[in-house]
Amino acid sequence: MQNITKEKLDKYFSIAEKALEKAKASKEKINIKNGRKEFIDMIENYLSDARHFERKKDFVNAFAALNYAHGWLDAGARLGIFDVHDPGLFAQD
């Protein structure tokens, strides 16, 4: 898979929009006890997925997994889970 089809894009827009609506309607629940470990685990898992897709020459899904990994990195920085200050690497600066 080398191209992102309109159908795939529509699918992920739909998922993201439904997830956002559910998130907006939910209450805040914070359990930060293992937050840093959970974030790092998710980032490492998405990076591993990206490498897996890259080896399969599925660059579209590799790119998507990289973006998920970086989204977790940016969210962790924004929430203060990571004390990082590098605008070249993180969106929060």
PDB file of N, CA and C in Angstrom:
ATOM      1  N   MET A   1       0.845  -1.171   0.000  1.00  0.00           N
ATOM      2  CA  MET A   1       0.000   0.000   0.000  1.00  0.00           C
ATOM      3  C   MET A   1       0.895   1.241   0.000  1.00  0.00           C
ATOM      4  N   GLN A   2       0.790   2.033  -1.037  1.00  0.00           N
ATOM      5  CA  GLN A   2       1.617   3.216  -1.162  1.00  0.00           C
ATOM      6  C   GLN A   2       0.814   4.508  -1.184  1.00  0.00           C
ATOM      7  N   ASN A   3      -0.508   4.401  -1.252  1.00  0.00           N
ATOM      8  CA  ASN A   3      -1.342   5.586  -1.343  1.00  0.00           C
ATOM      9  C   ASN A   3      -2.425   5.559  -0.281  1.00  0.00           C
ATOM     10  N   ILE A   4      -2.810   6.724   0.133  1.00  0.00           N
ATOM     11  CA  ILE A   4      -3.935   6.834   1.050  1.00  0.00           C
ATOM     12  C   ILE A   4      -5.169   7.094   0.202  1.00  0.00           C
ATOM     13  N   THR A   5      -6.098   6.172   0.240  1.00  0.00           N
ATOM     14  CA  THR A   5      -7.312   6.316  -0.552  1.00  0.00           C
ATOM     15  C   THR A   5      -8.309   7.228   0.162  1.00  0.00           C
ATOM     16  N   LYS A   6      -9.233   7.754  -0.590  1.00  0.00           N
ATOM     17  CA  LYS A   6     -10.297   8.579  -0.020  1.00  0.00           C
ATOM     18  C   LYS A   6     -11.087   7.764   1.000  1.00  0.00           C
ATOM     19  N   GLU A   7     -11.322   6.496   0.721  1.00  0.00           N
ATOM     20  CA  GLU A   7     -12.070   5.629   1.638  1.00  0.00           C
ATOM     21  C   GLU A   7     -11.337   5.466   2.971  1.00  0.00           C
ATOM     22  N   LYS A   8     -10.017   5.277   2.898  1.00  0.00           N
ATOM     23  CA  LYS A   8      -9.235   5.130   4.135  1.00  0.00           C
ATOM     24  C   LYS A   8      -9.252   6.435   4.923  1.00  0.00           C
ATOM     25  N   LEU A   9      -9.093   7.545   4.242  1.00  0.00           N
ATOM     26  CA  LEU A   9      -9.136   8.839   4.892  1.00  0.00           C
ATOM     27  C   LEU A   9     -10.493   9.079   5.544  1.00  0.00           C
ATOM     28  N   ASP A  10     -11.563   8.785   4.827  1.00  0.00           N
ATOM     29  CA  ASP A  10     -12.918   8.933   5.379  1.00  0.00           C
ATOM     30  C   ASP A  10     -13.113   8.065   6.616  1.00  0.00           C
ATOM     31  N   LYS A  11     -12.594   6.840   6.567  1.00  0.00           N
ATOM     32  CA  LYS A  11     -12.712   5.916   7.702  1.00  0.00           C
ATOM     33  C   LYS A  11     -12.056   6.525   8.945  1.00  0.00           C
ATOM     34  N   TYR A  12     -10.834   7.044   8.795  1.00  0.00           N
ATOM     35  CA  TYR A  12     -10.116   7.569   9.944  1.00  0.00           C
ATOM     36  C   TYR A  12     -10.651   8.913  10.415  1.00  0.00           C
ATOM     37  N   PHE A  13     -11.192   9.725   9.495  1.00  0.00           N
ATOM     38  CA  PHE A  13     -11.900  10.936   9.922  1.00  0.00           C
ATOM     39  C   PHE A  13     -13.092  10.548  10.789  1.00  0.00           C
ATOM     40  N   SER A  14     -13.850   9.563  10.341  1.00  0.00           N
ATOM     41  CA  SER A  14     -15.032   9.118  11.080  1.00  0.00           C
ATOM     42  C   SER A  14     -14.669   8.604  12.472  1.00  0.00           C
ATOM     43  N   ILE A  15     -13.632   7.782  12.546  1.00  0.00           N
ATOM     44  CA  ILE A  15     -13.191   7.243  13.840  1.00  0.00           C
ATOM     45  C   ILE A  15     -12.749   8.377  14.762  1.00  0.00           C
ATOM     46  N   ALA A  16     -11.931   9.299  14.246  1.00  0.00           N
ATOM     47  CA  ALA A  16     -11.428  10.402  15.068  1.00  0.00           C
ATOM     48  C   ALA A  16     -12.558  11.301  15.550  1.00  0.00           C
ATOM     49  N   GLU A  17     -13.515  11.595  14.667  1.00  0.00           N
ATOM     50  CA  GLU A  17     -14.625  12.464  15.054  1.00  0.00           C
ATOM     51  C   GLU A  17     -15.520  11.807  16.091  1.00  0.00           C
ATOM     52  N   LYS A  18     -15.791  10.501  15.941  1.00  0.00           N
ATOM     53  CA  LYS A  18     -16.595   9.777  16.936  1.00  0.00           C
ATOM     54  C   LYS A  18     -15.859   9.701  18.275  1.00  0.00           C
ATOM     55  N   ALA A  19     -14.551   9.459  18.222  1.00  0.00           N
ATOM     56  CA  ALA A  19     -13.751   9.395  19.453  1.00  0.00           C
ATOM     57  C   ALA A  19     -13.729  10.751  20.155  1.00  0.00           C
ATOM     58  N   LEU A  20     -13.611  11.829  19.389  1.00  0.00           N
ATOM     59  CA  LEU A  20     -13.614  13.166  19.982  1.00  0.00           C
ATOM     60  C   LEU A  20     -14.943  13.451  20.666  1.00  0.00           C
ATOM     61  N   GLU A  21     -16.036  13.122  20.032  1.00  0.00           N
ATOM     62  CA  GLU A  21     -17.355  13.341  20.633  1.00  0.00           C
ATOM     63  C   GLU A  21     -17.494  12.550  21.932  1.00  0.00           C
ATOM     64  N   LYS A  22     -17.046  11.304  21.925  1.00  0.00           N
ATOM     65  CA  LYS A  22     -17.108  10.487  23.140  1.00  0.00           C
ATOM     66  C   LYS A  22     -16.228  11.086  24.233  1.00  0.00           C
ATOM     67  N   ALA A  23     -15.047  11.546  23.863  1.00  0.00           N
ATOM     68  CA  ALA A  23     -14.131  12.165  24.835  1.00  0.00           C
ATOM     69  C   ALA A  23     -14.737  13.433  25.423  1.00  0.00           C
ATOM     70  N   LYS A  24     -15.346  14.259  24.582  1.00  0.00           N
ATOM     71  CA  LYS A  24     -15.964  15.497  25.064  1.00  0.00           C
ATOM     72  C   LYS A  24     -17.098  15.218  26.040  1.00  0.00           C
ATOM     73  N   ALA A  25     -17.840  14.148  25.812  1.00  0.00           N
ATOM     74  CA  ALA A  25     -18.990  13.812  26.654  1.00  0.00           C
ATOM     75  C   ALA A  25     -18.585  13.110  27.950  1.00  0.00           C
ATOM     76  N   SER A  26     -17.333  12.686  28.044  1.00  0.00           N
ATOM     77  CA  SER A  26     -16.894  11.935  29.220  1.00  0.00           C
ATOM     78  C   SER A  26     -16.496  12.875  30.348  1.00  0.00           C
ATOM     79  N   LYS A  27     -16.379  12.292  31.539  1.00  0.00           N
ATOM     80  CA  LYS A  27     -15.859  13.024  32.692  1.00  0.00           C
ATOM     81  C   LYS A  27     -14.348  12.903  32.695  1.00  0.00           C
ATOM     82  N   GLU A  28     -13.692  13.795  33.410  1.00  0.00           N
ATOM     83  CA  GLU A  28     -12.238  13.715  33.543  1.00  0.00           C
ATOM     84  C   GLU A  28     -11.886  12.611  34.521  1.00  0.00           C
ATOM     85  N   LYS A  29     -10.925  11.785  34.134  1.00  0.00           N
ATOM     86  CA  LYS A  29     -10.455  10.699  34.987  1.00  0.00           C
ATOM     87  C   LYS A  29      -8.939  10.677  34.894  1.00  0.00           C
ATOM     88  N   ILE A  30      -8.301  10.989  35.983  1.00  0.00           N
ATOM     89  CA  ILE A  30      -6.842  11.032  35.970  1.00  0.00           C
ATOM     90  C   ILE A  30      -6.304  10.003  36.961  1.00  0.00           C
ATOM     91  N   ASN A  31      -5.467   9.109  36.434  1.00  0.00           N
ATOM     92  CA  ASN A  31      -4.722   8.167  37.264  1.00  0.00           C
ATOM     93  C   ASN A  31      -3.295   8.237  36.757  1.00  0.00           C
ATOM     94  N   ILE A  32      -2.534   9.115  37.324  1.00  0.00           N
ATOM     95  CA  ILE A  32      -1.191   9.406  36.827  1.00  0.00           C
ATOM     96  C   ILE A  32      -0.130   8.497  37.441  1.00  0.00           C
ATOM     97  N   LYS A  33      -0.544   7.598  38.334  1.00  0.00           N
ATOM     98  CA  LYS A  33       0.412   6.755  39.055  1.00  0.00           C
ATOM     99  C   LYS A  33       1.427   6.101  38.120  1.00  0.00           C
ATOM    100  N   ASN A  34       0.978   5.503  37.055  1.00  0.00           N
ATOM    101  CA  ASN A  34       1.874   4.849  36.101  1.00  0.00           C
ATOM    102  C   ASN A  34       1.856   5.559  34.746  1.00  0.00           C
ATOM    103  N   GLY A  35       1.489   6.825  34.745  1.00  0.00           N
ATOM    104  CA  GLY A  35       1.307   7.561  33.495  1.00  0.00           C
ATOM    105  C   GLY A  35       2.535   7.591  32.606  1.00  0.00           C
ATOM    106  N   ARG A  36       3.676   7.886  33.180  1.00  0.00           N
ATOM    107  CA  ARG A  36       4.908   7.962  32.381  1.00  0.00           C
ATOM    108  C   ARG A  36       5.223   6.627  31.727  1.00  0.00           C
ATOM    109  N   LYS A  37       5.125   5.546  32.494  1.00  0.00           N
ATOM    110  CA  LYS A  37       5.392   4.209  31.942  1.00  0.00           C
ATOM    111  C   LYS A  37       4.392   3.873  30.841  1.00  0.00           C
ATOM    112  N   GLU A  38       3.124   4.182  31.067  1.00  0.00           N
ATOM    113  CA  GLU A  38       2.095   3.899  30.063  1.00  0.00           C
ATOM    114  C   GLU A  38       2.376   4.673  28.771  1.00  0.00           C
ATOM    115  N   PHE A  39       2.736   5.932  28.894  1.00  0.00           N
ATOM    116  CA  PHE A  39       3.050   6.732  27.711  1.00  0.00           C
ATOM    117  C   PHE A  39       4.242   6.146  26.964  1.00  0.00           C
ATOM    118  N   ILE A  40       5.312   5.848  27.679  1.00  0.00           N
ATOM    119  CA  ILE A  40       6.507   5.306  27.034  1.00  0.00           C
ATOM    120  C   ILE A  40       6.212   3.961  26.378  1.00  0.00           C
ATOM    121  N   ASP A  41       5.434   3.111  27.042  1.00  0.00           N
ATOM    122  CA  ASP A  41       5.056   1.824  26.448  1.00  0.00           C
ATOM    123  C   ASP A  41       4.300   2.029  25.135  1.00  0.00           C
ATOM    124  N   MET A  42       3.338   2.939  25.129  1.00  0.00           N
ATOM    125  CA  MET A  42       2.559   3.185  23.911  1.00  0.00           C
ATOM    126  C   MET A  42       3.448   3.743  22.799  1.00  0.00           C
ATOM    127  N   ILE A  43       4.338   4.652  23.132  1.00  0.00           N
ATOM    128  CA  ILE A  43       5.241   5.230  22.135  1.00  0.00           C
ATOM    129  C   ILE A  43       6.132   4.143  21.540  1.00  0.00           C
ATOM    130  N   GLU A  44       6.708   3.320  22.392  1.00  0.00           N
ATOM    131  CA  GLU A  44       7.573   2.243  21.903  1.00  0.00           C
ATOM    132  C   GLU A  44       6.792   1.244  21.054  1.00  0.00           C
ATOM    133  N   ASN A  45       5.554   0.943  21.445  1.00  0.00           N
ATOM    134  CA  ASN A  45       4.736   0.024  20.656  1.00  0.00           C
ATOM    135  C   ASN A  45       4.427   0.586  19.277  1.00  0.00           C
ATOM    136  N   TYR A  46       4.070   1.867  19.204  1.00  0.00           N
ATOM    137  CA  TYR A  46       3.784   2.468  17.903  1.00  0.00           C
ATOM    138  C   TYR A  46       5.045   2.565  17.040  1.00  0.00           C
ATOM    139  N   LEU A  47       6.189   2.843  17.633  1.00  0.00           N
ATOM    140  CA  LEU A  47       7.430   2.851  16.860  1.00  0.00           C
ATOM    141  C   LEU A  47       7.752   1.459  16.329  1.00  0.00           C
ATOM    142  N   SER A  48       7.523   0.446  17.141  1.00  0.00           N
ATOM    143  CA  SER A  48       7.721  -0.933  16.700  1.00  0.00           C
ATOM    144  C   SER A  48       6.770  -1.268  15.550  1.00  0.00           C
ATOM    145  N   ASP A  49       5.517  -0.854  15.678  1.00  0.00           N
ATOM    146  CA  ASP A  49       4.546  -1.075  14.591  1.00  0.00           C
ATOM    147  C   ASP A  49       5.008  -0.385  13.316  1.00  0.00           C
ATOM    148  N   ALA A  50       5.517   0.840  13.445  1.00  0.00           N
ATOM    149  CA  ALA A  50       5.986   1.586  12.274  1.00  0.00           C
ATOM    150  C   ALA A  50       7.107   0.828  11.575  1.00  0.00           C
ATOM    151  N   ARG A  51       8.056   0.311  12.330  1.00  0.00           N
ATOM    152  CA  ARG A  51       9.157  -0.472  11.733  1.00  0.00           C
ATOM    153  C   ARG A  51       8.621  -1.733  11.054  1.00  0.00           C
ATOM    154  N   HIS A  52       7.644  -2.386  11.693  1.00  0.00           N
ATOM    155  CA  HIS A  52       7.027  -3.588  11.114  1.00  0.00           C
ATOM    156  C   HIS A  52       6.405  -3.260   9.753  1.00  0.00           C
ATOM    157  N   PHE A  53       5.616  -2.183   9.699  1.00  0.00           N
ATOM    158  CA  PHE A  53       4.995  -1.788   8.437  1.00  0.00           C
ATOM    159  C   PHE A  53       6.043  -1.380   7.404  1.00  0.00           C
ATOM    160  N   GLU A  54       7.098  -0.717   7.849  1.00  0.00           N
ATOM    161  CA  GLU A  54       8.162  -0.314   6.932  1.00  0.00           C
ATOM    162  C   GLU A  54       8.812  -1.536   6.288  1.00  0.00           C
ATOM    163  N   ARG A  55       9.095  -2.575   7.079  1.00  0.00           N
ATOM    164  CA  ARG A  55       9.694  -3.805   6.550  1.00  0.00           C
ATOM    165  C   ARG A  55       8.783  -4.458   5.512  1.00  0.00           C
ATOM    166  N   LYS A  56       7.476  -4.310   5.702  1.00  0.00           N
ATOM    167  CA  LYS A  56       6.503  -4.872   4.749  1.00  0.00           C
ATOM    168  C   LYS A  56       6.266  -3.956   3.547  1.00  0.00           C
ATOM    169  N   LYS A  57       6.996  -2.836   3.502  1.00  0.00           N
ATOM    170  CA  LYS A  57       6.846  -1.823   2.441  1.00  0.00           C
ATOM    171  C   LYS A  57       5.468  -1.171   2.460  1.00  0.00           C
ATOM    172  N   ASP A  58       4.811  -1.207   3.622  1.00  0.00           N
ATOM    173  CA  ASP A  58       3.514  -0.549   3.810  1.00  0.00           C
ATOM    174  C   ASP A  58       3.798   0.812   4.439  1.00  0.00           C
ATOM    175  N   PHE A  59       4.238   1.744   3.586  1.00  0.00           N
ATOM    176  CA  PHE A  59       4.698   3.036   4.073  1.00  0.00           C
ATOM    177  C   PHE A  59       3.580   3.917   4.599  1.00  0.00           C
ATOM    178  N   VAL A  60       2.375   3.719   4.099  1.00  0.00           N
ATOM    179  CA  VAL A  60       1.240   4.510   4.586  1.00  0.00           C
ATOM    180  C   VAL A  60       0.974   4.199   6.051  1.00  0.00           C
ATOM    181  N   ASN A  61       0.886   2.920   6.396  1.00  0.00           N
ATOM    182  CA  ASN A  61       0.636   2.557   7.786  1.00  0.00           C
ATOM    183  C   ASN A  61       1.855   2.797   8.663  1.00  0.00           C
ATOM    184  N   ALA A  62       3.059   2.695   8.099  1.00  0.00           N
ATOM    185  CA  ALA A  62       4.265   3.043   8.862  1.00  0.00           C
ATOM    186  C   ALA A  62       4.214   4.519   9.246  1.00  0.00           C
ATOM    187  N   PHE A  63       3.855   5.361   8.299  1.00  0.00           N
ATOM    188  CA  PHE A  63       3.757   6.797   8.562  1.00  0.00           C
ATOM    189  C   PHE A  63       2.676   7.088   9.593  1.00  0.00           C
ATOM    190  N   ALA A  64       1.545   6.391   9.478  1.00  0.00           N
ATOM    191  CA  ALA A  64       0.455   6.577  10.444  1.00  0.00           C
ATOM    192  C   ALA A  64       0.916   6.195  11.846  1.00  0.00           C
ATOM    193  N   ALA A  65       1.598   5.063  11.977  1.00  0.00           N
ATOM    194  CA  ALA A  65       2.071   4.622  13.296  1.00  0.00           C
ATOM    195  C   ALA A  65       3.084   5.608  13.867  1.00  0.00           C
ATOM    196  N   LEU A  66       3.952   6.163  13.012  1.00  0.00           N
ATOM    197  CA  LEU A  66       4.894   7.183  13.478  1.00  0.00           C
ATOM    198  C   LEU A  66       4.160   8.408  14.002  1.00  0.00           C
ATOM    199  N   ASN A  67       3.095   8.783  13.328  1.00  0.00           N
ATOM    200  CA  ASN A  67       2.323   9.935  13.783  1.00  0.00           C
ATOM    201  C   ASN A  67       1.618   9.654  15.106  1.00  0.00           C
ATOM    202  N   TYR A  68       1.140   8.436  15.299  1.00  0.00           N
ATOM    203  CA  TYR A  68       0.557   8.074  16.595  1.00  0.00           C
ATOM    204  C   TYR A  68       1.635   8.173  17.676  1.00  0.00           C
ATOM    205  N   ALA A  69       2.818   7.633  17.412  1.00  0.00           N
ATOM    206  CA  ALA A  69       3.902   7.686  18.394  1.00  0.00           C
ATOM    207  C   ALA A  69       4.220   9.125  18.757  1.00  0.00           C
ATOM    208  N   HIS A  70       4.313   9.971  17.760  1.00  0.00           N
ATOM    209  CA  HIS A  70       4.668  11.359  18.055  1.00  0.00           C
ATOM    210  C   HIS A  70       3.516  12.095  18.742  1.00  0.00           C
ATOM    211  N   GLY A  71       2.281  11.699  18.440  1.00  0.00           N
ATOM    212  CA  GLY A  71       1.149  12.277  19.154  1.00  0.00           C
ATOM    213  C   GLY A  71       1.229  11.978  20.647  1.00  0.00           C
ATOM    214  N   TRP A  72       1.611  10.747  20.983  1.00  0.00           N
ATOM    215  CA  TRP A  72       1.791  10.390  22.393  1.00  0.00           C
ATOM    216  C   TRP A  72       2.944  11.193  23.004  1.00  0.00           C
ATOM    217  N   LEU A  73       4.031  11.368  22.253  1.00  0.00           N
ATOM    218  CA  LEU A  73       5.153  12.178  22.758  1.00  0.00           C
ATOM    219  C   LEU A  73       4.713  13.611  23.026  1.00  0.00           C
ATOM    220  N   ASP A  74       3.999  14.208  22.074  1.00  0.00           N
ATOM    221  CA  ASP A  74       3.538  15.584  22.250  1.00  0.00           C
ATOM    222  C   ASP A  74       2.544  15.702  23.403  1.00  0.00           C
ATOM    223  N   ALA A  75       1.644  14.726  23.521  1.00  0.00           N
ATOM    224  CA  ALA A  75       0.673  14.759  24.619  1.00  0.00           C
ATOM    225  C   ALA A  75       1.388  14.647  25.963  1.00  0.00           C
ATOM    226  N   GLY A  76       2.373  13.760  26.054  1.00  0.00           N
ATOM    227  CA  GLY A  76       3.136  13.619  27.295  1.00  0.00           C
ATOM    228  C   GLY A  76       3.867  14.894  27.660  1.00  0.00           C
ATOM    229  N   ALA A  77       4.423  15.553  26.657  1.00  0.00           N
ATOM    230  CA  ALA A  77       5.107  16.826  26.904  1.00  0.00           C
ATOM    231  C   ALA A  77       4.105  17.886  27.345  1.00  0.00           C
ATOM    232  N   ARG A  78       2.980  17.942  26.688  1.00  0.00           N
ATOM    233  CA  ARG A  78       1.953  18.949  26.999  1.00  0.00           C
ATOM    234  C   ARG A  78       1.408  18.783  28.418  1.00  0.00           C
ATOM    235  N   LEU A  79       1.241  17.527  28.845  1.00  0.00           N
ATOM    236  CA  LEU A  79       0.721  17.247  30.187  1.00  0.00           C
ATOM    237  C   LEU A  79       1.790  17.349  31.274  1.00  0.00           C
ATOM    238  N   GLY A  80       3.041  17.490  30.880  1.00  0.00           N
ATOM    239  CA  GLY A  80       4.120  17.574  31.855  1.00  0.00           C
ATOM    240  C   GLY A  80       4.648  16.228  32.296  1.00  0.00           C
ATOM    241  N   ILE A  81       4.259  15.171  31.606  1.00  0.00           N
ATOM    242  CA  ILE A  81       4.787  13.842  31.916  1.00  0.00           C
ATOM    243  C   ILE A  81       6.261  13.782  31.534  1.00  0.00           C
ATOM    244  N   PHE A  82       6.600  14.485  30.462  1.00  0.00           N
ATOM    245  CA  PHE A  82       7.989  14.613  30.036  1.00  0.00           C
ATOM    246  C   PHE A  82       8.381  16.084  30.170  1.00  0.00           C
ATOM    247  N   ASP A  83       9.470  16.355  30.844  1.00  0.00           N
ATOM    248  CA  ASP A  83       9.965  17.723  30.999  1.00  0.00           C
ATOM    249  C   ASP A  83      10.983  17.976  29.895  1.00  0.00           C
ATOM    250  N   VAL A  84      10.470  18.290  28.728  1.00  0.00           N
ATOM    251  CA  VAL A  84      11.310  18.483  27.547  1.00  0.00           C
ATOM    252  C   VAL A  84      11.055  19.870  26.975  1.00  0.00           C
ATOM    253  N   HIS A  85      12.079  20.439  26.412  1.00  0.00           N
ATOM    254  CA  HIS A  85      11.949  21.780  25.833  1.00  0.00           C
ATOM    255  C   HIS A  85      12.758  21.820  24.546  1.00  0.00           C
ATOM    256  N   ASP A  86      12.131  21.359  23.485  1.00  0.00           N
ATOM    257  CA  ASP A  86      12.796  21.333  22.185  1.00  0.00           C
ATOM    258  C   ASP A  86      11.732  21.494  21.113  1.00  0.00           C
ATOM    259  N   PRO A  87      11.539  22.721  20.609  1.00  0.00           N
ATOM    260  CA  PRO A  87      10.495  22.956  19.625  1.00  0.00           C
ATOM    261  C   PRO A  87      10.726  22.215  18.302  1.00  0.00           C
ATOM    262  N   GLY A  88      11.906  21.699  18.085  1.00  0.00           N
ATOM    263  CA  GLY A  88      12.152  20.888  16.903  1.00  0.00           C
ATOM    264  C   GLY A  88      11.624  19.474  17.030  1.00  0.00           C
ATOM    265  N   LEU A  89      11.349  19.063  18.276  1.00  0.00           N
ATOM    266  CA  LEU A  89      10.892  17.696  18.532  1.00  0.00           C
ATOM    267  C   LEU A  89       9.495  17.623  19.129  1.00  0.00           C
ATOM    268  N   PHE A  90       9.053  18.667  19.825  1.00  0.00           N
ATOM    269  CA  PHE A  90       7.786  18.622  20.535  1.00  0.00           C
ATOM    270  C   PHE A  90       6.933  19.839  20.197  1.00  0.00           C
ATOM    271  N   ALA A  91       5.630  19.631  20.086  1.00  0.00           N
ATOM    272  CA  ALA A  91       4.715  20.706  19.721  1.00  0.00           C
ATOM    273  C   ALA A  91       4.433  21.660  20.882  1.00  0.00           C
ATOM    274  N   GLN A  92       4.687  21.245  22.123  1.00  0.00           N
ATOM    275  CA  GLN A  92       4.303  22.064  23.265  1.00  0.00           C
ATOM    276  C   GLN A  92       5.181  23.279  23.481  1.00  0.00           C
ATOM    277  N   ASP A  93       6.352  23.333  22.897  1.00  0.00           N
ATOM    278  CA  ASP A  93       7.236  24.482  23.118  1.00  0.00           C
ATOM    279  C   ASP A  93       6.922  25.592  22.152  1.00  0.00           C
TER     280      ASP A  93
END
